[in-house]
Amino acid sequence: MRVPRPLTGPVACAALVRFENCPALLSCSGDEDRTTQSLRRRALSQALAAPTDLTVDLSDLGFADTSLMLDLMMVAARLRQAGRGMRLHGAQPQIQRLIELVGLHRLPGVVVVAPAGAA
């Protein structure tokens, strides 16, 4: 059983999901689950306002639960409504399995870029 980490001290202030506007990049790192969901809302809102397609960097994401994938699905759907897409990069094998489990990779406008050397 996974024990949630306490949300105090410097760790609580560190953003696990960050958005940069030029180019539109959403970076996910560390462990993302429902206990950190409120901390990612601002970055997700900023990503929705980006005028271009969104790149999501998952290379530093060690753990995620379905709450992150559902948030990314919502962002992908809203981006598609605005005529934009989402590219997922750098997913580690356990994250790739989660993407496939929830069906994020099958959404229109979502492209999963396989890591170099992946079959």
Protein backbone atom coordinates (compact mmCIF):
# COMPACT_ATOMS: atom_id res chain seq x y z
CA MET A 1 0.00 0.00 0.00
CA ARG A 2 1.32 3.41 -0.96
CA VAL A 3 1.43 5.93 1.88
CA PRO A 4 0.76 9.54 0.79
CA ARG A 5 3.57 11.92 1.58
CA PRO A 6 2.75 14.86 3.86
CA LEU A 7 2.16 18.19 2.12
CA THR A 8 4.38 20.33 4.31
CA GLY A 9 7.76 21.99 4.00
CA PRO A 10 9.63 22.63 0.74
CA VAL A 11 8.19 19.58 -1.00
CA ALA A 12 4.67 21.00 -0.75
CA CYS A 13 5.74 24.18 -2.55
CA ALA A 14 7.49 22.42 -5.43
CA ALA A 15 5.29 22.20 -8.51
CA LEU A 16 5.17 18.68 -9.88
CA VAL A 17 3.32 19.83 -12.98
CA ARG A 18 4.67 23.02 -14.55
CA PHE A 19 3.71 24.94 -17.68
CA GLU A 20 5.98 26.99 -19.92
CA ASN A 21 4.40 29.05 -22.67
CA CYS A 22 7.07 29.29 -25.35
CA PRO A 23 6.84 26.62 -26.68
CA ALA A 24 3.72 25.28 -24.98
CA LEU A 25 5.20 22.66 -22.64
CA LEU A 26 3.63 20.90 -19.68
CA SER A 27 6.25 19.08 -17.59
CA CYS A 28 5.21 16.37 -15.14
CA SER A 29 7.69 15.08 -12.57
CA GLY A 30 7.94 13.10 -9.36
CA ASP A 31 4.85 11.29 -8.10
CA GLU A 32 1.45 12.53 -9.23
CA ASP A 33 -1.73 11.23 -7.67
CA ARG A 34 -4.99 12.54 -6.30
CA THR A 35 -3.23 14.05 -3.27
CA THR A 36 -1.32 16.40 -5.60
CA GLN A 37 -4.23 17.07 -7.95
CA SER A 38 -4.96 20.56 -6.61
CA LEU A 39 -1.32 21.53 -7.10
CA ARG A 40 -1.50 20.88 -10.86
CA ARG A 41 -4.65 22.90 -11.60
CA ARG A 42 -2.90 26.19 -12.35
CA ALA A 43 -0.48 24.60 -14.82
CA LEU A 44 -3.33 22.74 -16.55
CA SER A 45 -5.35 25.96 -16.85
CA GLN A 46 -2.35 27.75 -18.35
CA ALA A 47 -1.87 24.89 -20.82
CA LEU A 48 -5.47 25.28 -22.00
CA ALA A 49 -4.81 28.93 -22.84
CA ALA A 50 -1.75 28.18 -24.99
CA PRO A 51 -2.25 29.25 -28.62
CA THR A 52 -0.40 26.23 -30.06
CA ASP A 53 -0.31 22.45 -29.74
CA LEU A 54 0.78 21.28 -26.30
CA THR A 55 3.78 19.05 -25.60
CA VAL A 56 3.62 17.05 -22.36
CA ASP A 57 7.01 15.95 -21.02
CA LEU A 58 6.61 12.83 -18.88
CA SER A 59 10.30 11.88 -18.71
CA ASP A 60 10.69 12.86 -15.03
CA LEU A 61 7.39 11.33 -13.92
CA GLY A 62 8.09 8.30 -11.72
CA PHE A 63 4.55 7.47 -10.59
CA ALA A 64 1.07 8.57 -11.57
CA ASP A 65 -2.42 7.40 -10.87
CA THR A 66 -5.50 7.76 -13.02
CA SER A 67 -6.25 11.23 -11.65
CA LEU A 68 -3.37 12.69 -13.69
CA MET A 69 -4.39 10.74 -16.79
CA LEU A 70 -7.99 11.92 -16.47
CA ASP A 71 -6.78 15.51 -16.12
CA LEU A 72 -4.66 15.09 -19.26
CA MET A 73 -7.65 13.58 -21.07
CA MET A 74 -9.74 16.64 -20.15
CA VAL A 75 -6.98 18.97 -21.40
CA ALA A 76 -6.66 16.97 -24.64
CA ALA A 77 -10.41 17.15 -25.28
CA ARG A 78 -10.53 20.91 -24.67
CA LEU A 79 -7.45 21.48 -26.85
CA ARG A 80 -9.07 19.49 -29.65
CA GLN A 81 -12.22 21.62 -29.40
CA ALA A 82 -9.96 24.64 -29.93
CA GLY A 83 -8.25 23.02 -32.94
CA ARG A 84 -5.05 22.08 -31.13
CA GLY A 85 -3.41 18.79 -30.22
CA MET A 86 -1.31 17.16 -27.52
CA ARG A 87 2.00 15.28 -27.86
CA LEU A 88 3.13 13.05 -24.99
CA HIS A 89 6.91 12.54 -24.74
CA GLY A 90 9.20 10.46 -22.56
CA ALA A 91 6.78 8.20 -20.71
CA GLN A 92 8.53 5.54 -18.66
CA PRO A 93 7.14 1.99 -19.13
CA GLN A 94 4.84 2.12 -16.09
CA ILE A 95 3.44 5.48 -17.23
CA GLN A 96 3.03 4.21 -20.80
CA ARG A 97 0.98 1.28 -19.46
CA LEU A 98 -1.23 3.70 -17.54
CA ILE A 99 -1.72 5.86 -20.65
CA GLU A 100 -2.85 2.77 -22.55
CA LEU A 101 -5.00 1.50 -19.66
CA VAL A 102 -7.08 4.69 -19.53
CA GLY A 103 -7.10 5.15 -23.32
CA LEU A 104 -5.41 8.55 -23.43
CA HIS A 105 -3.42 7.47 -26.49
CA ARG A 106 -6.65 6.79 -28.43
CA LEU A 107 -8.11 10.27 -28.09
CA PRO A 108 -8.28 12.33 -31.28
CA GLY A 109 -5.49 14.87 -31.38
CA VAL A 110 -3.24 12.95 -28.95
CA VAL A 111 0.08 11.60 -30.20
CA VAL A 112 2.32 9.48 -28.00
CA VAL A 113 5.95 9.76 -29.04
CA ALA A 114 7.77 6.53 -28.22
CA PRO A 115 11.10 6.89 -26.43
CA ALA A 116 14.23 6.31 -28.51
CA GLY A 117 15.00 2.61 -28.76
CA ALA A 118 11.44 1.53 -27.96
CA ALA A 119 10.00 -1.20 -30.15
